Amino acid sequence: MSRPRIHNPRPRDEEKSTHSSLDMHNVYVDGNRTTVRLERVIWDTLQSIASQQGCSLHDLVSDIDRRRTTKNLSSAIRAYVVMYLLTRLSEDLPSRVA
């Protein structure tokens, strides 16, 4: 007697989306190689910030590492990117007239 085939109700594309959305990236922090796991949008934004500031990605990550208050470098990078974007957003908004 054959076993009934179990039908997976999720489409194949949805199955792939259950995997981690984090990409691993090697960076040098003050000359020491380390790996961070970041979402692609965070990584791309971090690269853009480094370019806008005229520094290397590794120098920017080293600066973030020196200033961080969390144990996790990936979290510190995410927080830095968000704060950078919020600062830029507030600079671009017109000031309110009272």
PDB file of N, CA and C in Angstrom:
ATOM      1  N   MET A   1       0.836  -1.169   0.000  1.00  0.00           N
ATOM      2  CA  MET A   1       0.000   0.000   0.000  1.00  0.00           C
ATOM      3  C   MET A   1       0.886   1.239   0.000  1.00  0.00           C
ATOM      4  N   SER A   2       0.645   2.156  -0.899  1.00  0.00           N
ATOM      5  CA  SER A   2       1.482   3.349  -0.989  1.00  0.00           C
ATOM      6  C   SER A   2       0.980   4.433  -0.032  1.00  0.00           C
ATOM      7  N   ARG A   3       1.922   5.216   0.421  1.00  0.00           N
ATOM      8  CA  ARG A   3       1.572   6.320   1.325  1.00  0.00           C
ATOM      9  C   ARG A   3       0.956   7.448   0.518  1.00  0.00           C
ATOM     10  N   PRO A   4      -0.025   8.122   1.084  1.00  0.00           N
ATOM     11  CA  PRO A   4      -0.606   9.258   0.363  1.00  0.00           C
ATOM     12  C   PRO A   4       0.427  10.376   0.245  1.00  0.00           C
ATOM     13  N   ARG A   5       0.445  11.008  -0.885  1.00  0.00           N
ATOM     14  CA  ARG A   5       1.378  12.109  -1.113  1.00  0.00           C
ATOM     15  C   ARG A   5       0.865  13.344  -0.389  1.00  0.00           C
ATOM     16  N   ILE A   6       1.749  13.971   0.353  1.00  0.00           N
ATOM     17  CA  ILE A   6       1.372  15.190   1.078  1.00  0.00           C
ATOM     18  C   ILE A   6       1.605  16.373   0.165  1.00  0.00           C
ATOM     19  N   HIS A   7       0.575  17.144  -0.003  1.00  0.00           N
ATOM     20  CA  HIS A   7       0.646  18.318  -0.856  1.00  0.00           C
ATOM     21  C   HIS A   7       1.108  19.511  -0.022  1.00  0.00           C
ATOM     22  N   ASN A   8       2.129  20.194  -0.508  1.00  0.00           N
ATOM     23  CA  ASN A   8       2.595  21.407   0.153  1.00  0.00           C
ATOM     24  C   ASN A   8       1.806  22.577  -0.428  1.00  0.00           C
ATOM     25  N   PRO A   9       0.984  23.257   0.404  1.00  0.00           N
ATOM     26  CA  PRO A   9       0.135  24.324  -0.118  1.00  0.00           C
ATOM     27  C   PRO A   9       0.903  25.595  -0.470  1.00  0.00           C
ATOM     28  N   ARG A  10       2.179  25.718  -0.040  1.00  0.00           N
ATOM     29  CA  ARG A  10       2.943  26.930  -0.331  1.00  0.00           C
ATOM     30  C   ARG A  10       3.621  26.820  -1.686  1.00  0.00           C
ATOM     31  N   PRO A  11       3.564  27.875  -2.468  1.00  0.00           N
ATOM     32  CA  PRO A  11       4.289  27.858  -3.743  1.00  0.00           C
ATOM     33  C   PRO A  11       5.795  27.835  -3.485  1.00  0.00           C
ATOM     34  N   ARG A  12       6.541  27.403  -4.484  1.00  0.00           N
ATOM     35  CA  ARG A  12       7.999  27.284  -4.334  1.00  0.00           C
ATOM     36  C   ARG A  12       8.649  28.609  -3.959  1.00  0.00           C
ATOM     37  N   ASP A  13       8.216  29.722  -4.558  1.00  0.00           N
ATOM     38  CA  ASP A  13       8.814  31.017  -4.255  1.00  0.00           C
ATOM     39  C   ASP A  13       8.635  31.363  -2.778  1.00  0.00           C
ATOM     40  N   GLU A  14       7.495  31.019  -2.229  1.00  0.00           N
ATOM     41  CA  GLU A  14       7.235  31.308  -0.822  1.00  0.00           C
ATOM     42  C   GLU A  14       8.127  30.457   0.073  1.00  0.00           C
ATOM     43  N   GLU A  15       8.420  29.237  -0.353  1.00  0.00           N
ATOM     44  CA  GLU A  15       9.314  28.381   0.425  1.00  0.00           C
ATOM     45  C   GLU A  15      10.690  29.023   0.530  1.00  0.00           C
ATOM     46  N   LYS A  16      11.171  29.587  -0.543  1.00  0.00           N
ATOM     47  CA  LYS A  16      12.478  30.233  -0.530  1.00  0.00           C
ATOM     48  C   LYS A  16      12.485  31.440   0.391  1.00  0.00           C
ATOM     49  N   SER A  17      11.368  32.130   0.508  1.00  0.00           N
ATOM     50  CA  SER A  17      11.334  33.338   1.318  1.00  0.00           C
ATOM     51  C   SER A  17      11.424  33.044   2.811  1.00  0.00           C
ATOM     52  N   THR A  18      11.283  31.777   3.204  1.00  0.00           N
ATOM     53  CA  THR A  18      11.407  31.454   4.619  1.00  0.00           C
ATOM     54  C   THR A  18      12.861  31.386   5.046  1.00  0.00           C
ATOM     55  N   HIS A  19      13.782  31.359   4.085  1.00  0.00           N
ATOM     56  CA  HIS A  19      15.196  31.376   4.409  1.00  0.00           C
ATOM     57  C   HIS A  19      15.583  32.771   4.881  1.00  0.00           C
ATOM     58  N   SER A  20      16.707  32.866   5.540  1.00  0.00           N
ATOM     59  CA  SER A  20      17.179  34.136   6.068  1.00  0.00           C
ATOM     60  C   SER A  20      17.326  35.169   4.956  1.00  0.00           C
ATOM     61  N   SER A  21      16.907  36.375   5.248  1.00  0.00           N
ATOM     62  CA  SER A  21      17.060  37.470   4.296  1.00  0.00           C
ATOM     63  C   SER A  21      18.384  38.193   4.526  1.00  0.00           C
ATOM     64  N   LEU A  22      19.233  37.633   5.382  1.00  0.00           N
ATOM     65  CA  LEU A  22      20.505  38.260   5.706  1.00  0.00           C
ATOM     66  C   LEU A  22      21.609  37.723   4.807  1.00  0.00           C
ATOM     67  N   ASP A  23      22.454  38.625   4.338  1.00  0.00           N
ATOM     68  CA  ASP A  23      23.617  38.250   3.550  1.00  0.00           C
ATOM     69  C   ASP A  23      24.855  38.432   4.413  1.00  0.00           C
ATOM     70  N   MET A  24      25.820  37.534   4.243  1.00  0.00           N
ATOM     71  CA  MET A  24      27.061  37.643   4.991  1.00  0.00           C
ATOM     72  C   MET A  24      28.056  38.479   4.198  1.00  0.00           C
ATOM     73  N   HIS A  25      28.742  39.390   4.904  1.00  0.00           N
ATOM     74  CA  HIS A  25      29.723  40.268   4.278  1.00  0.00           C
ATOM     75  C   HIS A  25      30.969  40.304   5.146  1.00  0.00           C
ATOM     76  N   ASN A  26      32.125  40.209   4.509  1.00  0.00           N
ATOM     77  CA  ASN A  26      33.392  40.336   5.223  1.00  0.00           C
ATOM     78  C   ASN A  26      33.809  41.802   5.222  1.00  0.00           C
ATOM     79  N   VAL A  27      34.175  42.296   6.382  1.00  0.00           N
ATOM     80  CA  VAL A  27      34.672  43.660   6.517  1.00  0.00           C
ATOM     81  C   VAL A  27      35.903  43.644   7.409  1.00  0.00           C
ATOM     82  N   TYR A  28      36.695  44.665   7.289  1.00  0.00           N
ATOM     83  CA  TYR A  28      37.860  44.825   8.155  1.00  0.00           C
ATOM     84  C   TYR A  28      37.558  45.930   9.156  1.00  0.00           C
ATOM     85  N   VAL A  29      37.612  45.576  10.421  1.00  0.00           N
ATOM     86  CA  VAL A  29      37.380  46.528  11.507  1.00  0.00           C
ATOM     87  C   VAL A  29      38.730  46.775  12.155  1.00  0.00           C
ATOM     88  N   ASP A  30      39.223  47.998  11.958  1.00  0.00           N
ATOM     89  CA  ASP A  30      40.559  48.349  12.458  1.00  0.00           C
ATOM     90  C   ASP A  30      41.592  47.291  12.074  1.00  0.00           C
ATOM     91  N   GLY A  31      41.525  46.831  10.830  1.00  0.00           N
ATOM     92  CA  GLY A  31      42.499  45.885  10.302  1.00  0.00           C
ATOM     93  C   GLY A  31      42.208  44.418  10.561  1.00  0.00           C
ATOM     94  N   ASN A  32      41.194  44.130  11.348  1.00  0.00           N
ATOM     95  CA  ASN A  32      40.842  42.735  11.647  1.00  0.00           C
ATOM     96  C   ASN A  32      39.612  42.326  10.852  1.00  0.00           C
ATOM     97  N   ARG A  33      39.730  41.218  10.131  1.00  0.00           N
ATOM     98  CA  ARG A  33      38.606  40.750   9.312  1.00  0.00           C
ATOM     99  C   ARG A  33      37.524  40.145  10.203  1.00  0.00           C
ATOM    100  N   THR A  34      36.288  40.532   9.915  1.00  0.00           N
ATOM    101  CA  THR A  34      35.137  39.963  10.613  1.00  0.00           C
ATOM    102  C   THR A  34      33.987  39.847   9.621  1.00  0.00           C
ATOM    103  N   THR A  35      32.988  39.117   9.995  1.00  0.00           N
ATOM    104  CA  THR A  35      31.816  38.920   9.142  1.00  0.00           C
ATOM    105  C   THR A  35      30.599  39.510   9.812  1.00  0.00           C
ATOM    106  N   VAL A  36      29.803  40.239   9.030  1.00  0.00           N
ATOM    107  CA  VAL A  36      28.529  40.761   9.523  1.00  0.00           C
ATOM    108  C   VAL A  36      27.428  40.203   8.643  1.00  0.00           C
ATOM    109  N   ARG A  37      26.268  39.989   9.246  1.00  0.00           N
ATOM    110  CA  ARG A  37      25.099  39.524   8.502  1.00  0.00           C
ATOM    111  C   ARG A  37      24.085  40.655   8.479  1.00  0.00           C
ATOM    112  N   LEU A  38      23.831  41.147   7.283  1.00  0.00           N
ATOM    113  CA  LEU A  38      22.942  42.298   7.125  1.00  0.00           C
ATOM    114  C   LEU A  38      21.976  42.088   5.965  1.00  0.00           C
ATOM    115  N   GLU A  39      20.850  42.744   6.065  1.00  0.00           N
ATOM    116  CA  GLU A  39      19.905  42.771   4.959  1.00  0.00           C
ATOM    117  C   GLU A  39      20.556  43.521   3.795  1.00  0.00           C
ATOM    118  N   ARG A  40      20.207  43.134   2.600  1.00  0.00           N
ATOM    119  CA  ARG A  40      20.807  43.760   1.412  1.00  0.00           C
ATOM    120  C   ARG A  40      20.588  45.269   1.395  1.00  0.00           C
ATOM    121  N   VAL A  41      19.409  45.733   1.768  1.00  0.00           N
ATOM    122  CA  VAL A  41      19.129  47.171   1.734  1.00  0.00           C
ATOM    123  C   VAL A  41      20.021  47.923   2.730  1.00  0.00           C
ATOM    124  N   ILE A  42      20.300  47.335   3.868  1.00  0.00           N
ATOM    125  CA  ILE A  42      21.184  47.969   4.849  1.00  0.00           C
ATOM    126  C   ILE A  42      22.601  48.025   4.297  1.00  0.00           C
ATOM    127  N   TRP A  43      23.079  46.926   3.717  1.00  0.00           N
ATOM    128  CA  TRP A  43      24.421  46.869   3.162  1.00  0.00           C
ATOM    129  C   TRP A  43      24.583  47.889   2.035  1.00  0.00           C
ATOM    130  N   ASP A  44      23.612  47.938   1.120  1.00  0.00           N
ATOM    131  CA  ASP A  44      23.678  48.884   0.005  1.00  0.00           C
ATOM    132  C   ASP A  44      23.680  50.325   0.507  1.00  0.00           C
ATOM    133  N   THR A  45      22.861  50.613   1.499  1.00  0.00           N
ATOM    134  CA  THR A  45      22.799  51.960   2.063  1.00  0.00           C
ATOM    135  C   THR A  45      24.109  52.315   2.755  1.00  0.00           C
ATOM    136  N   LEU A  46      24.677  51.374   3.484  1.00  0.00           N
ATOM    137  CA  LEU A  46      25.957  51.596   4.152  1.00  0.00           C
ATOM    138  C   LEU A  46      27.044  51.921   3.122  1.00  0.00           C
ATOM    139  N   GLN A  47      27.060  51.204   2.014  1.00  0.00           N
ATOM    140  CA  GLN A  47      28.033  51.494   0.957  1.00  0.00           C
ATOM    141  C   GLN A  47      27.828  52.899   0.386  1.00  0.00           C
ATOM    142  N   SER A  48      26.578  53.306   0.218  1.00  0.00           N
ATOM    143  CA  SER A  48      26.279  54.646  -0.290  1.00  0.00           C
ATOM    144  C   SER A  48      26.727  55.726   0.688  1.00  0.00           C
ATOM    145  N   ILE A  49      26.515  55.481   1.978  1.00  0.00           N
ATOM    146  CA  ILE A  49      26.934  56.443   3.000  1.00  0.00           C
ATOM    147  C   ILE A  49      28.451  56.604   2.965  1.00  0.00           C
ATOM    148  N   ALA A  50      29.166  55.502   2.890  1.00  0.00           N
ATOM    149  CA  ALA A  50      30.633  55.563   2.838  1.00  0.00           C
ATOM    150  C   ALA A  50      31.085  56.363   1.619  1.00  0.00           C
ATOM    151  N   SER A  51      30.448  56.121   0.494  1.00  0.00           N
ATOM    152  CA  SER A  51      30.795  56.844  -0.723  1.00  0.00           C
ATOM    153  C   SER A  51      30.517  58.340  -0.568  1.00  0.00           C
ATOM    154  N   GLN A  52      29.355  58.691  -0.009  1.00  0.00           N
ATOM    155  CA  GLN A  52      29.004  60.102   0.198  1.00  0.00           C
ATOM    156  C   GLN A  52      29.969  60.791   1.150  1.00  0.00           C
ATOM    157  N   GLN A  53      30.471  60.045   2.127  1.00  0.00           N
ATOM    158  CA  GLN A  53      31.388  60.622   3.107  1.00  0.00           C
ATOM    159  C   GLN A  53      32.838  60.576   2.645  1.00  0.00           C
ATOM    160  N   GLY A  54      33.077  59.981   1.491  1.00  0.00           N
ATOM    161  CA  GLY A  54      34.418  59.941   0.932  1.00  0.00           C
ATOM    162  C   GLY A  54      35.381  59.052   1.704  1.00  0.00           C
ATOM    163  N   CYS A  55      34.846  57.972   2.277  1.00  0.00           N
ATOM    164  CA  CYS A  55      35.707  57.043   3.010  1.00  0.00           C
ATOM    165  C   CYS A  55      35.407  55.623   2.549  1.00  0.00           C
ATOM    166  N   SER A  56      36.290  54.719   2.933  1.00  0.00           N
ATOM    167  CA  SER A  56      36.049  53.331   2.563  1.00  0.00           C
ATOM    168  C   SER A  56      34.981  52.732   3.477  1.00  0.00           C
ATOM    169  N   LEU A  57      34.371  51.690   2.984  1.00  0.00           N
ATOM    170  CA  LEU A  57      33.378  50.971   3.782  1.00  0.00           C
ATOM    171  C   LEU A  57      34.011  50.457   5.072  1.00  0.00           C
ATOM    172  N   HIS A  58      35.233  49.972   4.975  1.00  0.00           N
ATOM    173  CA  HIS A  58      35.928  49.423   6.140  1.00  0.00           C
ATOM    174  C   HIS A  58      36.212  50.513   7.190  1.00  0.00           C
ATOM    175  N   ASP A  59      36.579  51.715   6.720  1.00  0.00           N
ATOM    176  CA  ASP A  59      36.805  52.816   7.661  1.00  0.00           C
ATOM    177  C   ASP A  59      35.508  53.219   8.356  1.00  0.00           C
ATOM    178  N   LEU A  60      34.410  53.240   7.599  1.00  0.00           N
ATOM    179  CA  LEU A  60      33.120  53.584   8.191  1.00  0.00           C
ATOM    180  C   LEU A  60      32.700  52.551   9.225  1.00  0.00           C
ATOM    181  N   VAL A  61      32.839  51.275   8.895  1.00  0.00           N
ATOM    182  CA  VAL A  61      32.471  50.216   9.836  1.00  0.00           C
ATOM    183  C   VAL A  61      33.380  50.262  11.074  1.00  0.00           C
ATOM    184  N   SER A  62      34.638  50.570  10.885  1.00  0.00           N
ATOM    185  CA  SER A  62      35.552  50.694  12.026  1.00  0.00           C
ATOM    186  C   SER A  62      35.106  51.827  12.948  1.00  0.00           C
ATOM    187  N   ASP A  63      34.679  52.940  12.359  1.00  0.00           N
ATOM    188  CA  ASP A  63      34.186  54.064  13.164  1.00  0.00           C
ATOM    189  C   ASP A  63      32.910  53.680  13.913  1.00  0.00           C
ATOM    190  N   ILE A  64      32.013  52.993  13.236  1.00  0.00           N
ATOM    191  CA  ILE A  64      30.782  52.521  13.885  1.00  0.00           C
ATOM    192  C   ILE A  64      31.135  51.587  15.036  1.00  0.00           C
ATOM    193  N   ASP A  65      32.098  50.710  14.818  1.00  0.00           N
ATOM    194  CA  ASP A  65      32.507  49.756  15.847  1.00  0.00           C
ATOM    195  C   ASP A  65      33.061  50.472  17.083  1.00  0.00           C
ATOM    196  N   ARG A  66      33.863  51.507  16.871  1.00  0.00           N
ATOM    197  CA  ARG A  66      34.444  52.243  17.998  1.00  0.00           C
ATOM    198  C   ARG A  66      33.381  52.950  18.830  1.00  0.00           C
ATOM    199  N   ARG A  67      32.302  53.390  18.184  1.00  0.00           N
ATOM    200  CA  ARG A  67      31.269  54.175  18.872  1.00  0.00           C
ATOM    201  C   ARG A  67      30.096  53.346  19.398  1.00  0.00           C
ATOM    202  N   ARG A  68      30.035  52.090  19.050  1.00  0.00           N
ATOM    203  CA  ARG A  68      28.840  51.298  19.363  1.00  0.00           C
ATOM    204  C   ARG A  68      28.681  51.073  20.864  1.00  0.00           C
ATOM    205  N   THR A  69      27.416  50.927  21.243  1.00  0.00           N
ATOM    206  CA  THR A  69      27.071  50.665  22.642  1.00  0.00           C
ATOM    207  C   THR A  69      26.428  49.296  22.806  1.00  0.00           C
ATOM    208  N   THR A  70      26.325  48.550  21.707  1.00  0.00           N
ATOM    209  CA  THR A  70      25.754  47.208  21.748  1.00  0.00           C
ATOM    210  C   THR A  70      26.859  46.192  21.525  1.00  0.00           C
ATOM    211  N   LYS A  71      26.605  44.947  21.899  1.00  0.00           N
ATOM    212  CA  LYS A  71      27.597  43.891  21.692  1.00  0.00           C
ATOM    213  C   LYS A  71      27.680  43.460  20.237  1.00  0.00           C
ATOM    214  N   ASN A  72      26.606  43.624  19.509  1.00  0.00           N
ATOM    215  CA  ASN A  72      26.499  43.090  18.161  1.00  0.00           C
ATOM    216  C   ASN A  72      26.826  44.166  17.124  1.00  0.00           C
ATOM    217  N   LEU A  73      27.863  43.945  16.328  1.00  0.00           N
ATOM    218  CA  LEU A  73      28.257  44.915  15.310  1.00  0.00           C
ATOM    219  C   LEU A  73      27.178  45.080  14.242  1.00  0.00           C
ATOM    220  N   SER A  74      26.531  43.999  13.846  1.00  0.00           N
ATOM    221  CA  SER A  74      25.468  44.098  12.836  1.00  0.00           C
ATOM    222  C   SER A  74      24.343  45.012  13.316  1.00  0.00           C
ATOM    223  N   SER A  75      23.978  44.888  14.574  1.00  0.00           N
ATOM    224  CA  SER A  75      22.938  45.754  15.141  1.00  0.00           C
ATOM    225  C   SER A  75      23.390  47.208  15.173  1.00  0.00           C
ATOM    226  N   ALA A  76      24.648  47.423  15.512  1.00  0.00           N
ATOM    227  CA  ALA A  76      25.183  48.783  15.543  1.00  0.00           C
ATOM    228  C   ALA A  76      25.173  49.405  14.147  1.00  0.00           C
ATOM    229  N   ILE A  77      25.474  48.603  13.136  1.00  0.00           N
ATOM    230  CA  ILE A  77      25.449  49.100  11.757  1.00  0.00           C
ATOM    231  C   ILE A  77      24.020  49.464  11.363  1.00  0.00           C
ATOM    232  N   ARG A  78      23.062  48.608  11.692  1.00  0.00           N
ATOM    233  CA  ARG A  78      21.655  48.913  11.376  1.00  0.00           C
ATOM    234  C   ARG A  78      21.227  50.214  12.045  1.00  0.00           C
ATOM    235  N   ALA A  79      21.560  50.363  13.317  1.00  0.00           N
ATOM    236  CA  ALA A  79      21.184  51.576  14.056  1.00  0.00           C
ATOM    237  C   ALA A  79      21.844  52.805  13.426  1.00  0.00           C
ATOM    238  N   TYR A  80      23.088  52.677  13.027  1.00  0.00           N
ATOM    239  CA  TYR A  80      23.792  53.789  12.392  1.00  0.00           C
ATOM    240  C   TYR A  80      23.081  54.201  11.095  1.00  0.00           C
ATOM    241  N   VAL A  81      22.747  53.231  10.278  1.00  0.00           N
ATOM    242  CA  VAL A  81      22.089  53.525   8.999  1.00  0.00           C
ATOM    243  C   VAL A  81      20.748  54.220   9.243  1.00  0.00           C
ATOM    244  N   VAL A  82      19.970  53.721  10.181  1.00  0.00           N
ATOM    245  CA  VAL A  82      18.668  54.336  10.473  1.00  0.00           C
ATOM    246  C   VAL A  82      18.856  55.773  10.973  1.00  0.00           C
ATOM    247  N   MET A  83      19.790  55.971  11.909  1.00  0.00           N
ATOM    248  CA  MET A  83      20.026  57.314  12.442  1.00  0.00           C
ATOM    249  C   MET A  83      20.528  58.264  11.350  1.00  0.00           C
ATOM    250  N   TYR A  84      21.383  57.777  10.485  1.00  0.00           N
ATOM    251  CA  TYR A  84      21.885  58.584   9.376  1.00  0.00           C
ATOM    252  C   TYR A  84      20.724  59.033   8.483  1.00  0.00           C
ATOM    253  N   LEU A  85      19.863  58.085   8.133  1.00  0.00           N
ATOM    254  CA  LEU A  85      18.734  58.412   7.261  1.00  0.00           C
ATOM    255  C   LEU A  85      17.745  59.346   7.948  1.00  0.00           C
ATOM    256  N   LEU A  86      17.491  59.136   9.238  1.00  0.00           N
ATOM    257  CA  LEU A  86      16.588  60.028   9.971  1.00  0.00           C
ATOM    258  C   LEU A  86      17.148  61.440  10.041  1.00  0.00           C
ATOM    259  N   THR A  87      18.439  61.557  10.232  1.00  0.00           N
ATOM    260  CA  THR A  87      19.070  62.880  10.269  1.00  0.00           C
ATOM    261  C   THR A  87      18.940  63.563   8.920  1.00  0.00           C
ATOM    262  N   ARG A  88      19.201  62.830   7.866  1.00  0.00           N
ATOM    263  CA  ARG A  88      19.061  63.389   6.517  1.00  0.00           C
ATOM    264  C   ARG A  88      17.625  63.794   6.236  1.00  0.00           C
ATOM    265  N   LEU A  89      16.679  62.980   6.673  1.00  0.00           N
ATOM    266  CA  LEU A  89      15.269  63.282   6.467  1.00  0.00           C
ATOM    267  C   LEU A  89      14.878  64.563   7.190  1.00  0.00           C
ATOM    268  N   SER A  90      15.317  64.699   8.443  1.00  0.00           N
ATOM    269  CA  SER A  90      14.957  65.895   9.208  1.00  0.00           C
ATOM    270  C   SER A  90      15.606  67.144   8.613  1.00  0.00           C
ATOM    271  N   GLU A  91      16.778  67.009   7.999  1.00  0.00           N
ATOM    272  CA  GLU A  91      17.420  68.149   7.345  1.00  0.00           C
ATOM    273  C   GLU A  91      16.668  68.564   6.093  1.00  0.00           C
ATOM    274  N   ASP A  92      16.042  67.598   5.431  1.00  0.00           N
ATOM    275  CA  ASP A  92      15.336  67.883   4.181  1.00  0.00           C
ATOM    276  C   ASP A  92      13.928  68.424   4.398  1.00  0.00           C
ATOM    277  N   LEU A  93      13.369  68.222   5.602  1.00  0.00           N
ATOM    278  CA  LEU A  93      12.016  68.705   5.869  1.00  0.00           C
ATOM    279  C   LEU A  93      12.033  70.204   6.122  1.00  0.00           C
ATOM    280  N   PRO A  94      11.059  70.928   5.557  1.00  0.00           N
ATOM    281  CA  PRO A  94      10.999  72.364   5.849  1.00  0.00           C
ATOM    282  C   PRO A  94      10.634  72.583   7.317  1.00  0.00           C
ATOM    283  N   SER A  95      11.212  73.596   7.899  1.00  0.00           N
ATOM    284  CA  SER A  95      10.886  73.871   9.295  1.00  0.00           C
ATOM    285  C   SER A  95       9.483  74.442   9.380  1.00  0.00           C
ATOM    286  N   ARG A  96       8.820  74.104  10.481  1.00  0.00           N
ATOM    287  CA  ARG A  96       7.438  74.560  10.671  1.00  0.00           C
ATOM    288  C   ARG A  96       7.427  76.014  11.118  1.00  0.00           C
ATOM    289  N   VAL A  97       6.463  76.735  10.622  1.00  0.00           N
ATOM    290  CA  VAL A  97       6.287  78.119  11.030  1.00  0.00           C
ATOM    291  C   VAL A  97       5.225  78.151  12.107  1.00  0.00           C
ATOM    292  N   ALA A  98       5.562  78.719  13.253  1.00  0.00           N
ATOM    293  CA  ALA A  98       4.616  78.741  14.385  1.00  0.00           C
ATOM    294  C   ALA A  98       3.625  79.844  14.252  1.00  0.00           C
TER     295      ALA A  98
END
